[in-house]
Amino acid sequence: MSVAAVTARGTRRLSLSWLRLFAVPAAVGIGIAASFGVFQTLAPGPADSGVLNSTFLESRFVGHLALSFISFGIVALVGVPLGVLIAIGARPFRVLVFLLANLGQAVPGIGILVLLYAWLGLGAEPTIIGLVIFGLLPVLRNTVAGINGVDPAVIESARGMGMTRLQALLSVEIPLASALIFAGLRTTLVLVIGTATLGNFIGGGGLGDVIASGINRSDRIVLVGAVMVAALALLADWALSLVERAVVPKRISA
């Protein structure tokens, strides 16, 4: 193969890579533009002026960001280390933790929030606790699957080179499992952002307030709230995918 052909192929791959990189923001922009067109066709309601203004929307958007990213941060900080411990721990411990995590996902999100409201009252704190419980399972499951999926021969080779068990875990197993771990984190991030809208029922705030303000009153308000949540979820997942591209070794990602 000639040098020109190799160069052309490399340039084409680079162009496709950049196209894929910015495909999600472009799609979100197109979706928002299309939603604006739909918005113009909907009849205005009496509640529009009180909700569809920059002050109300910005405060609820910032509140939704706080609910989502605080909850996600707690899940990441707790779920990944706990998943690693489960993967290398005894089977009874694994069964117990997964039983509790599965229970958190089996119960509907609104059910968890209502139970926490009965215990802790209204506010952002019970909403965050509920989101953490609801979002823990995908991170745990993918972390355990990633660690357990590492070829034992690779671990033995690392140990044969003089690594301790901890060094092999940190330098070999976790990097090899990082693609699956990030897949679980991305699933949880989208799940948490979507479920955070239910925080409105227990005074958690966020974009759920926008959607609830328009139910049975204004289709415009409901549309704006839903589009904001969807755009936030897609862009947050895209941003985390950029972190994944930077952190996960390319061969493992492939």
C-alpha atoms as a PDB file:
ATOM      1  CA  MET A   1       0.000   0.000   0.000  1.00  0.00           C
ATOM      2  CA  SER A   2       1.391   3.407  -0.957  1.00  0.00           C
ATOM      3  CA  VAL A   3       2.183   6.169   1.491  1.00  0.00           C
ATOM      4  CA  ALA A   4      -0.559   8.325  -0.068  1.00  0.00           C
ATOM      5  CA  ALA A   5      -3.176   5.619   0.472  1.00  0.00           C
ATOM      6  CA  VAL A   6      -2.115   5.147   4.104  1.00  0.00           C
ATOM      7  CA  THR A   7      -2.248   8.898   4.676  1.00  0.00           C
ATOM      8  CA  ALA A   8      -5.695   9.139   3.061  1.00  0.00           C
ATOM      9  CA  ARG A   9      -7.008   6.291   5.184  1.00  0.00           C
ATOM     10  CA  GLY A  10      -5.633   7.917   8.342  1.00  0.00           C
ATOM     11  CA  THR A  11      -7.194  11.256   7.412  1.00  0.00           C
ATOM     12  CA  ARG A  12     -10.545   9.595   6.723  1.00  0.00           C
ATOM     13  CA  ARG A  13     -10.497   7.804  10.076  1.00  0.00           C
ATOM     14  CA  LEU A  14      -9.613  11.055  11.858  1.00  0.00           C
ATOM     15  CA  SER A  15     -12.497  12.848  10.129  1.00  0.00           C
ATOM     16  CA  LEU A  16     -14.942  10.103  11.108  1.00  0.00           C
ATOM     17  CA  SER A  17     -13.655  10.224  14.676  1.00  0.00           C
ATOM     18  CA  TRP A  18     -14.287  13.965  14.882  1.00  0.00           C
ATOM     19  CA  LEU A  19     -17.739  13.533  13.323  1.00  0.00           C
ATOM     20  CA  ARG A  20     -18.661  10.921  15.925  1.00  0.00           C
ATOM     21  CA  LEU A  21     -17.260  13.133  18.669  1.00  0.00           C
ATOM     22  CA  PHE A  22     -19.604  16.011  17.907  1.00  0.00           C
ATOM     23  CA  ALA A  23     -22.579  13.997  16.638  1.00  0.00           C
ATOM     24  CA  VAL A  24     -24.410  14.104  19.983  1.00  0.00           C
ATOM     25  CA  PRO A  25     -24.195  17.899  20.532  1.00  0.00           C
ATOM     26  CA  ALA A  26     -25.259  18.418  16.920  1.00  0.00           C
ATOM     27  CA  ALA A  27     -28.220  16.051  17.353  1.00  0.00           C
ATOM     28  CA  VAL A  28     -29.204  17.819  20.590  1.00  0.00           C
ATOM     29  CA  GLY A  29     -29.074  21.169  18.820  1.00  0.00           C
ATOM     30  CA  ILE A  30     -31.272  19.857  16.002  1.00  0.00           C
ATOM     31  CA  GLY A  31     -33.683  18.379  18.540  1.00  0.00           C
ATOM     32  CA  ILE A  32     -33.938  21.674  20.427  1.00  0.00           C
ATOM     33  CA  ALA A  33     -34.566  23.549  17.174  1.00  0.00           C
ATOM     34  CA  ALA A  34     -37.297  21.064  16.216  1.00  0.00           C
ATOM     35  CA  SER A  35     -38.810  21.358  19.706  1.00  0.00           C
ATOM     36  CA  PHE A  36     -38.906  25.133  19.335  1.00  0.00           C
ATOM     37  CA  GLY A  37     -40.904  24.664  16.158  1.00  0.00           C
ATOM     38  CA  VAL A  38     -43.352  22.412  18.009  1.00  0.00           C
ATOM     39  CA  PHE A  39     -43.473  24.956  20.868  1.00  0.00           C
ATOM     40  CA  GLN A  40     -44.677  27.632  18.459  1.00  0.00           C
ATOM     41  CA  THR A  41     -47.616  25.463  17.389  1.00  0.00           C
ATOM     42  CA  LEU A  42     -48.888  24.959  20.954  1.00  0.00           C
ATOM     43  CA  ALA A  43     -51.463  27.278  22.431  1.00  0.00           C
ATOM     44  CA  PRO A  44     -50.156  29.473  25.274  1.00  0.00           C
ATOM     45  CA  GLY A  45     -51.566  28.885  28.752  1.00  0.00           C
ATOM     46  CA  PRO A  46     -52.296  31.226  31.665  1.00  0.00           C
ATOM     47  CA  ALA A  47     -49.358  29.839  33.679  1.00  0.00           C
ATOM     48  CA  ASP A  48     -46.734  30.392  30.960  1.00  0.00           C
ATOM     49  CA  SER A  49     -45.536  33.808  32.100  1.00  0.00           C
ATOM     50  CA  GLY A  50     -44.938  32.620  35.655  1.00  0.00           C
ATOM     51  CA  VAL A  51     -42.911  29.558  34.613  1.00  0.00           C
ATOM     52  CA  LEU A  52     -41.370  30.240  31.213  1.00  0.00           C
ATOM     53  CA  ASN A  53     -39.069  33.011  32.340  1.00  0.00           C
ATOM     54  CA  SER A  54     -35.317  33.028  32.831  1.00  0.00           C
ATOM     55  CA  THR A  55     -35.431  33.355  36.627  1.00  0.00           C
ATOM     56  CA  PHE A  56     -37.647  30.327  37.233  1.00  0.00           C
ATOM     57  CA  LEU A  57     -36.057  28.116  34.574  1.00  0.00           C
ATOM     58  CA  GLU A  58     -32.479  28.935  35.601  1.00  0.00           C
ATOM     59  CA  SER A  59     -33.133  28.256  39.280  1.00  0.00           C
ATOM     60  CA  ARG A  60     -34.774  24.904  38.521  1.00  0.00           C
ATOM     61  CA  PHE A  61     -32.042  23.967  36.039  1.00  0.00           C
ATOM     62  CA  VAL A  62     -29.301  24.707  38.569  1.00  0.00           C
ATOM     63  CA  GLY A  63     -31.238  22.765  41.200  1.00  0.00           C
ATOM     64  CA  HIS A  64     -31.544  19.807  38.846  1.00  0.00           C
ATOM     65  CA  LEU A  65     -27.817  19.918  38.139  1.00  0.00           C
ATOM     66  CA  ALA A  66     -27.089  19.908  41.874  1.00  0.00           C
ATOM     67  CA  LEU A  67     -29.447  16.985  42.567  1.00  0.00           C
ATOM     68  CA  SER A  68     -28.116  14.940  39.663  1.00  0.00           C
ATOM     69  CA  PHE A  69     -24.388  15.491  39.988  1.00  0.00           C
ATOM     70  CA  ILE A  70     -24.214  15.286  43.784  1.00  0.00           C
ATOM     71  CA  SER A  71     -26.110  11.984  43.602  1.00  0.00           C
ATOM     72  CA  PHE A  72     -23.965  10.724  40.738  1.00  0.00           C
ATOM     73  CA  GLY A  73     -20.767  11.735  42.528  1.00  0.00           C
ATOM     74  CA  ILE A  74     -21.795   9.780  45.630  1.00  0.00           C
ATOM     75  CA  VAL A  75     -22.708   6.745  43.514  1.00  0.00           C
ATOM     76  CA  ALA A  76     -19.348   6.855  41.717  1.00  0.00           C
ATOM     77  CA  LEU A  77     -17.333   7.309  44.911  1.00  0.00           C
ATOM     78  CA  VAL A  78     -19.195   4.521  46.710  1.00  0.00           C
ATOM     79  CA  GLY A  79     -20.206   2.188  43.887  1.00  0.00           C
ATOM     80  CA  VAL A  80     -16.875   1.633  42.124  1.00  0.00           C
ATOM     81  CA  PRO A  81     -14.811   0.792  45.255  1.00  0.00           C
ATOM     82  CA  LEU A  82     -17.672  -1.310  46.608  1.00  0.00           C
ATOM     83  CA  GLY A  83     -17.936  -3.124  43.279  1.00  0.00           C
ATOM     84  CA  VAL A  84     -14.205  -3.889  43.390  1.00  0.00           C
ATOM     85  CA  LEU A  85     -14.541  -5.239  46.943  1.00  0.00           C
ATOM     86  CA  ILE A  86     -17.494  -7.377  45.884  1.00  0.00           C
ATOM     87  CA  ALA A  87     -15.573  -8.763  42.916  1.00  0.00           C
ATOM     88  CA  ILE A  88     -12.602  -9.869  45.019  1.00  0.00           C
ATOM     89  CA  GLY A  89     -14.598 -10.718  48.150  1.00  0.00           C
ATOM     90  CA  ALA A  90     -16.392 -13.803  49.365  1.00  0.00           C
ATOM     91  CA  ARG A  91     -19.562 -14.938  47.583  1.00  0.00           C
ATOM     92  CA  PRO A  92     -21.927 -14.455  50.583  1.00  0.00           C
ATOM     93  CA  PHE A  93     -20.886 -10.789  50.775  1.00  0.00           C
ATOM     94  CA  ARG A  94     -21.533 -10.406  47.045  1.00  0.00           C
ATOM     95  CA  VAL A  95     -24.980 -11.971  47.305  1.00  0.00           C
ATOM     96  CA  LEU A  96     -25.961  -9.710  50.218  1.00  0.00           C
ATOM     97  CA  VAL A  97     -24.858  -6.469  48.534  1.00  0.00           C
ATOM     98  CA  PHE A  98     -26.486  -7.340  45.210  1.00  0.00           C
ATOM     99  CA  LEU A  99     -29.683  -8.291  47.022  1.00  0.00           C
ATOM    100  CA  LEU A 100     -29.872  -4.829  48.567  1.00  0.00           C
ATOM    101  CA  ALA A 101     -28.906  -3.084  45.302  1.00  0.00           C
ATOM    102  CA  ASN A 102     -31.464  -5.069  43.301  1.00  0.00           C
ATOM    103  CA  LEU A 103     -34.090  -4.171  45.868  1.00  0.00           C
ATOM    104  CA  GLY A 104     -33.284  -0.494  45.314  1.00  0.00           C
ATOM    105  CA  GLN A 105     -33.966  -0.881  41.582  1.00  0.00           C
ATOM    106  CA  ALA A 106     -36.948  -3.192  41.941  1.00  0.00           C
ATOM    107  CA  VAL A 107     -38.865  -0.580  43.923  1.00  0.00           C
ATOM    108  CA  PRO A 108     -40.110   2.251  41.636  1.00  0.00           C
ATOM    109  CA  GLY A 109     -38.254   5.514  42.032  1.00  0.00           C
ATOM    110  CA  ILE A 110     -41.328   7.351  43.259  1.00  0.00           C
ATOM    111  CA  GLY A 111     -41.854   4.637  45.876  1.00  0.00           C
ATOM    112  CA  ILE A 112     -38.330   5.113  47.259  1.00  0.00           C
ATOM    113  CA  LEU A 113     -38.812   8.879  47.383  1.00  0.00           C
ATOM    114  CA  VAL A 114     -42.141   8.598  49.196  1.00  0.00           C
ATOM    115  CA  LEU A 115     -40.630   6.236  51.785  1.00  0.00           C
ATOM    116  CA  LEU A 116     -37.741   8.641  52.337  1.00  0.00           C
ATOM    117  CA  TYR A 117     -40.185  11.539  52.614  1.00  0.00           C
ATOM    118  CA  ALA A 118     -42.028   9.678  55.377  1.00  0.00           C
ATOM    119  CA  TRP A 119     -38.711   9.224  57.170  1.00  0.00           C
ATOM    120  CA  LEU A 120     -36.817  12.466  56.445  1.00  0.00           C
ATOM    121  CA  GLY A 121     -39.502  14.897  55.303  1.00  0.00           C
ATOM    122  CA  LEU A 122     -39.380  17.304  52.369  1.00  0.00           C
ATOM    123  CA  GLY A 123     -36.241  18.642  50.718  1.00  0.00           C
ATOM    124  CA  ALA A 124     -33.236  17.875  48.583  1.00  0.00           C
ATOM    125  CA  GLU A 125     -31.598  15.467  51.053  1.00  0.00           C
ATOM    126  CA  PRO A 126     -34.156  12.642  50.774  1.00  0.00           C
ATOM    127  CA  THR A 127     -34.189  13.141  46.998  1.00  0.00           C
ATOM    128  CA  ILE A 128     -30.412  12.704  46.794  1.00  0.00           C
ATOM    129  CA  ILE A 129     -30.508   9.610  49.007  1.00  0.00           C
ATOM    130  CA  GLY A 130     -33.230   8.118  46.827  1.00  0.00           C
ATOM    131  CA  LEU A 131     -31.277   8.829  43.636  1.00  0.00           C
ATOM    132  CA  VAL A 132     -28.162   7.216  45.118  1.00  0.00           C
ATOM    133  CA  ILE A 133     -30.108   4.082  46.040  1.00  0.00           C
ATOM    134  CA  PHE A 134     -31.736   3.961  42.620  1.00  0.00           C
ATOM    135  CA  GLY A 135     -28.517   4.522  40.668  1.00  0.00           C
ATOM    136  CA  LEU A 136     -26.158   2.204  42.544  1.00  0.00           C
ATOM    137  CA  LEU A 137     -26.937  -1.106  40.826  1.00  0.00           C
ATOM    138  CA  PRO A 138     -25.581  -0.406  37.288  1.00  0.00           C
ATOM    139  CA  VAL A 139     -22.243   0.768  38.694  1.00  0.00           C
ATOM    140  CA  LEU A 140     -21.942  -2.210  41.025  1.00  0.00           C
ATOM    141  CA  ARG A 141     -22.944  -4.715  38.358  1.00  0.00           C
ATOM    142  CA  ASN A 142     -20.598  -3.384  35.680  1.00  0.00           C
ATOM    143  CA  THR A 143     -17.665  -3.000  38.055  1.00  0.00           C
ATOM    144  CA  VAL A 144     -18.022  -6.585  39.259  1.00  0.00           C
ATOM    145  CA  ALA A 145     -18.447  -7.857  35.688  1.00  0.00           C
ATOM    146  CA  GLY A 146     -15.391  -5.927  34.550  1.00  0.00           C
ATOM    147  CA  ILE A 147     -13.125  -7.154  37.345  1.00  0.00           C
ATOM    148  CA  ASN A 148     -14.334 -10.747  37.061  1.00  0.00           C
ATOM    149  CA  GLY A 149     -13.924 -10.625  33.288  1.00  0.00           C
ATOM    150  CA  VAL A 150     -10.164 -10.052  33.426  1.00  0.00           C
ATOM    151  CA  ASP A 151      -8.253 -13.088  32.174  1.00  0.00           C
ATOM    152  CA  PRO A 152      -6.732 -14.914  35.195  1.00  0.00           C
ATOM    153  CA  ALA A 153      -3.604 -15.560  33.129  1.00  0.00           C
ATOM    154  CA  VAL A 154      -2.998 -11.807  32.909  1.00  0.00           C
ATOM    155  CA  ILE A 155      -3.261 -11.512  36.688  1.00  0.00           C
ATOM    156  CA  GLU A 156      -0.897 -14.434  37.166  1.00  0.00           C
ATOM    157  CA  SER A 157       1.589 -12.825  34.791  1.00  0.00           C
ATOM    158  CA  ALA A 158       1.439  -9.603  36.807  1.00  0.00           C
ATOM    159  CA  ARG A 159       1.987 -11.517  40.033  1.00  0.00           C
ATOM    160  CA  GLY A 160       4.856 -13.398  38.400  1.00  0.00           C
ATOM    161  CA  MET A 161       6.528 -10.072  37.634  1.00  0.00           C
ATOM    162  CA  GLY A 162       6.615  -9.324  41.357  1.00  0.00           C
ATOM    163  CA  MET A 163       3.410  -7.320  41.806  1.00  0.00           C
ATOM    164  CA  THR A 164       1.477  -7.661  45.031  1.00  0.00           C
ATOM    165  CA  ARG A 165      -2.241  -8.468  44.934  1.00  0.00           C
ATOM    166  CA  LEU A 166      -3.080  -4.791  45.439  1.00  0.00           C
ATOM    167  CA  GLN A 167      -0.640  -3.641  42.756  1.00  0.00           C
ATOM    168  CA  ALA A 168      -2.068  -6.144  40.273  1.00  0.00           C
ATOM    169  CA  LEU A 169      -5.574  -4.925  41.102  1.00  0.00           C
ATOM    170  CA  LEU A 170      -4.747  -1.241  40.667  1.00  0.00           C
ATOM    171  CA  SER A 171      -2.352  -1.517  37.718  1.00  0.00           C
ATOM    172  CA  VAL A 172      -3.872  -4.393  35.733  1.00  0.00           C
ATOM    173  CA  GLU A 173      -7.407  -5.432  36.688  1.00  0.00           C
ATOM    174  CA  ILE A 174      -9.052  -2.029  37.130  1.00  0.00           C
ATOM    175  CA  PRO A 175      -7.557  -0.553  33.906  1.00  0.00           C
ATOM    176  CA  LEU A 176      -8.693  -3.629  31.977  1.00  0.00           C
ATOM    177  CA  ALA A 177     -12.168  -3.340  33.534  1.00  0.00           C
ATOM    178  CA  SER A 178     -12.391   0.439  33.000  1.00  0.00           C
ATOM    179  CA  ALA A 179     -14.487   0.271  29.805  1.00  0.00           C
ATOM    180  CA  LEU A 180     -17.235  -1.709  31.554  1.00  0.00           C
ATOM    181  CA  ILE A 181     -16.993   0.479  34.651  1.00  0.00           C
ATOM    182  CA  PHE A 182     -17.539   3.599  32.559  1.00  0.00           C
ATOM    183  CA  ALA A 183     -20.494   1.948  30.818  1.00  0.00           C
ATOM    184  CA  GLY A 184     -22.115   1.492  34.231  1.00  0.00           C
ATOM    185  CA  LEU A 185     -21.321   5.071  35.231  1.00  0.00           C
ATOM    186  CA  ARG A 186     -22.866   6.443  32.039  1.00  0.00           C
ATOM    187  CA  THR A 187     -26.005   4.351  32.535  1.00  0.00           C
ATOM    188  CA  THR A 188     -26.331   5.611  36.089  1.00  0.00           C
ATOM    189  CA  LEU A 189     -25.776   9.245  35.096  1.00  0.00           C
ATOM    190  CA  VAL A 190     -28.621   9.208  32.575  1.00  0.00           C
ATOM    191  CA  LEU A 191     -30.832   7.271  34.999  1.00  0.00           C
ATOM    192  CA  VAL A 192     -30.208   9.754  37.816  1.00  0.00           C
ATOM    193  CA  ILE A 193     -30.853  12.819  35.646  1.00  0.00           C
ATOM    194  CA  GLY A 194     -34.156  11.393  34.436  1.00  0.00           C
ATOM    195  CA  THR A 195     -35.302  10.156  37.849  1.00  0.00           C
ATOM    196  CA  ALA A 196     -34.399  13.472  39.520  1.00  0.00           C
ATOM    197  CA  THR A 197     -37.550  14.963  37.963  1.00  0.00           C
ATOM    198  CA  LEU A 198     -39.520  12.933  40.531  1.00  0.00           C
ATOM    199  CA  GLY A 199     -37.903  14.961  43.306  1.00  0.00           C
ATOM    200  CA  ASN A 200     -40.682  17.493  42.751  1.00  0.00           C
ATOM    201  CA  PHE A 201     -43.070  15.208  44.669  1.00  0.00           C
ATOM    202  CA  ILE A 202     -41.079  15.578  47.902  1.00  0.00           C
ATOM    203  CA  GLY A 203     -39.860  19.156  47.545  1.00  0.00           C
ATOM    204  CA  GLY A 204     -36.517  18.327  45.941  1.00  0.00           C
ATOM    205  CA  GLY A 205     -36.875  20.993  43.262  1.00  0.00           C
ATOM    206  CA  GLY A 206     -35.218  20.681  39.881  1.00  0.00           C
ATOM    207  CA  LEU A 207     -36.790  20.509  36.461  1.00  0.00           C
ATOM    208  CA  GLY A 208     -39.565  18.328  37.839  1.00  0.00           C
ATOM    209  CA  ASP A 209     -41.035  21.596  39.138  1.00  0.00           C
ATOM    210  CA  VAL A 210     -41.215  22.904  35.567  1.00  0.00           C
ATOM    211  CA  ILE A 211     -42.947  19.795  34.227  1.00  0.00           C
ATOM    212  CA  ALA A 212     -45.357  19.598  37.170  1.00  0.00           C
ATOM    213  CA  SER A 213     -46.246  23.287  36.742  1.00  0.00           C
ATOM    214  CA  GLY A 214     -47.541  22.623  33.240  1.00  0.00           C
ATOM    215  CA  ILE A 215     -49.495  19.384  33.753  1.00  0.00           C
ATOM    216  CA  ASN A 216     -53.149  19.995  32.900  1.00  0.00           C
ATOM    217  CA  ARG A 217     -52.351  23.701  32.517  1.00  0.00           C
ATOM    218  CA  SER A 218     -49.928  24.287  29.649  1.00  0.00           C
ATOM    219  CA  ASP A 219     -48.477  21.921  27.060  1.00  0.00           C
ATOM    220  CA  ARG A 220     -45.786  24.507  26.378  1.00  0.00           C
ATOM    221  CA  ILE A 221     -44.438  24.262  29.929  1.00  0.00           C
ATOM    222  CA  VAL A 222     -44.403  20.463  29.862  1.00  0.00           C
ATOM    223  CA  LEU A 223     -42.560  20.491  26.521  1.00  0.00           C
ATOM    224  CA  VAL A 224     -39.903  22.938  27.749  1.00  0.00           C
ATOM    225  CA  GLY A 225     -39.300  20.939  30.932  1.00  0.00           C
ATOM    226  CA  ALA A 226     -39.087  17.617  29.083  1.00  0.00           C
ATOM    227  CA  VAL A 227     -36.705  18.998  26.433  1.00  0.00           C
ATOM    228  CA  MET A 228     -34.426  20.490  29.097  1.00  0.00           C
ATOM    229  CA  VAL A 229     -34.212  17.158  30.957  1.00  0.00           C
ATOM    230  CA  ALA A 230     -33.581  15.180  27.757  1.00  0.00           C
ATOM    231  CA  ALA A 231     -30.918  17.610  26.513  1.00  0.00           C
ATOM    232  CA  LEU A 232     -29.175  17.599  29.891  1.00  0.00           C
ATOM    233  CA  ALA A 233     -29.123  13.781  30.018  1.00  0.00           C
ATOM    234  CA  LEU A 234     -27.733  13.455  26.483  1.00  0.00           C
ATOM    235  CA  LEU A 235     -25.075  16.121  26.935  1.00  0.00           C
ATOM    236  CA  ALA A 236     -24.008  14.771  30.338  1.00  0.00           C
ATOM    237  CA  ASP A 237     -23.627  11.284  28.868  1.00  0.00           C
ATOM    238  CA  TRP A 238     -21.634  12.764  25.968  1.00  0.00           C
ATOM    239  CA  ALA A 239     -19.366  14.679  28.374  1.00  0.00           C
ATOM    240  CA  LEU A 240     -18.711  11.518  30.382  1.00  0.00           C
ATOM    241  CA  SER A 241     -17.931   9.682  27.140  1.00  0.00           C
ATOM    242  CA  LEU A 242     -15.186  12.264  26.520  1.00  0.00           C
ATOM    243  CA  VAL A 243     -13.739  11.492  29.949  1.00  0.00           C
ATOM    244  CA  GLU A 244     -13.932   7.806  29.059  1.00  0.00           C
ATOM    245  CA  ARG A 245     -12.049   8.411  25.798  1.00  0.00           C
ATOM    246  CA  ALA A 246      -9.305  10.186  27.741  1.00  0.00           C
ATOM    247  CA  VAL A 247      -9.061   7.633  30.576  1.00  0.00           C
ATOM    248  CA  VAL A 248      -9.731   4.222  29.046  1.00  0.00           C
ATOM    249  CA  PRO A 249      -6.825   2.790  27.025  1.00  0.00           C
ATOM    250  CA  LYS A 250      -7.782   2.708  23.332  1.00  0.00           C
ATOM    251  CA  ARG A 251      -7.206  -1.037  22.898  1.00  0.00           C
ATOM    252  CA  ILE A 252      -9.449  -1.798  25.871  1.00  0.00           C
ATOM    253  CA  SER A 253     -12.125   0.569  24.577  1.00  0.00           C
ATOM    254  CA  ALA A 254     -12.043  -1.108  21.185  1.00  0.00           C
END
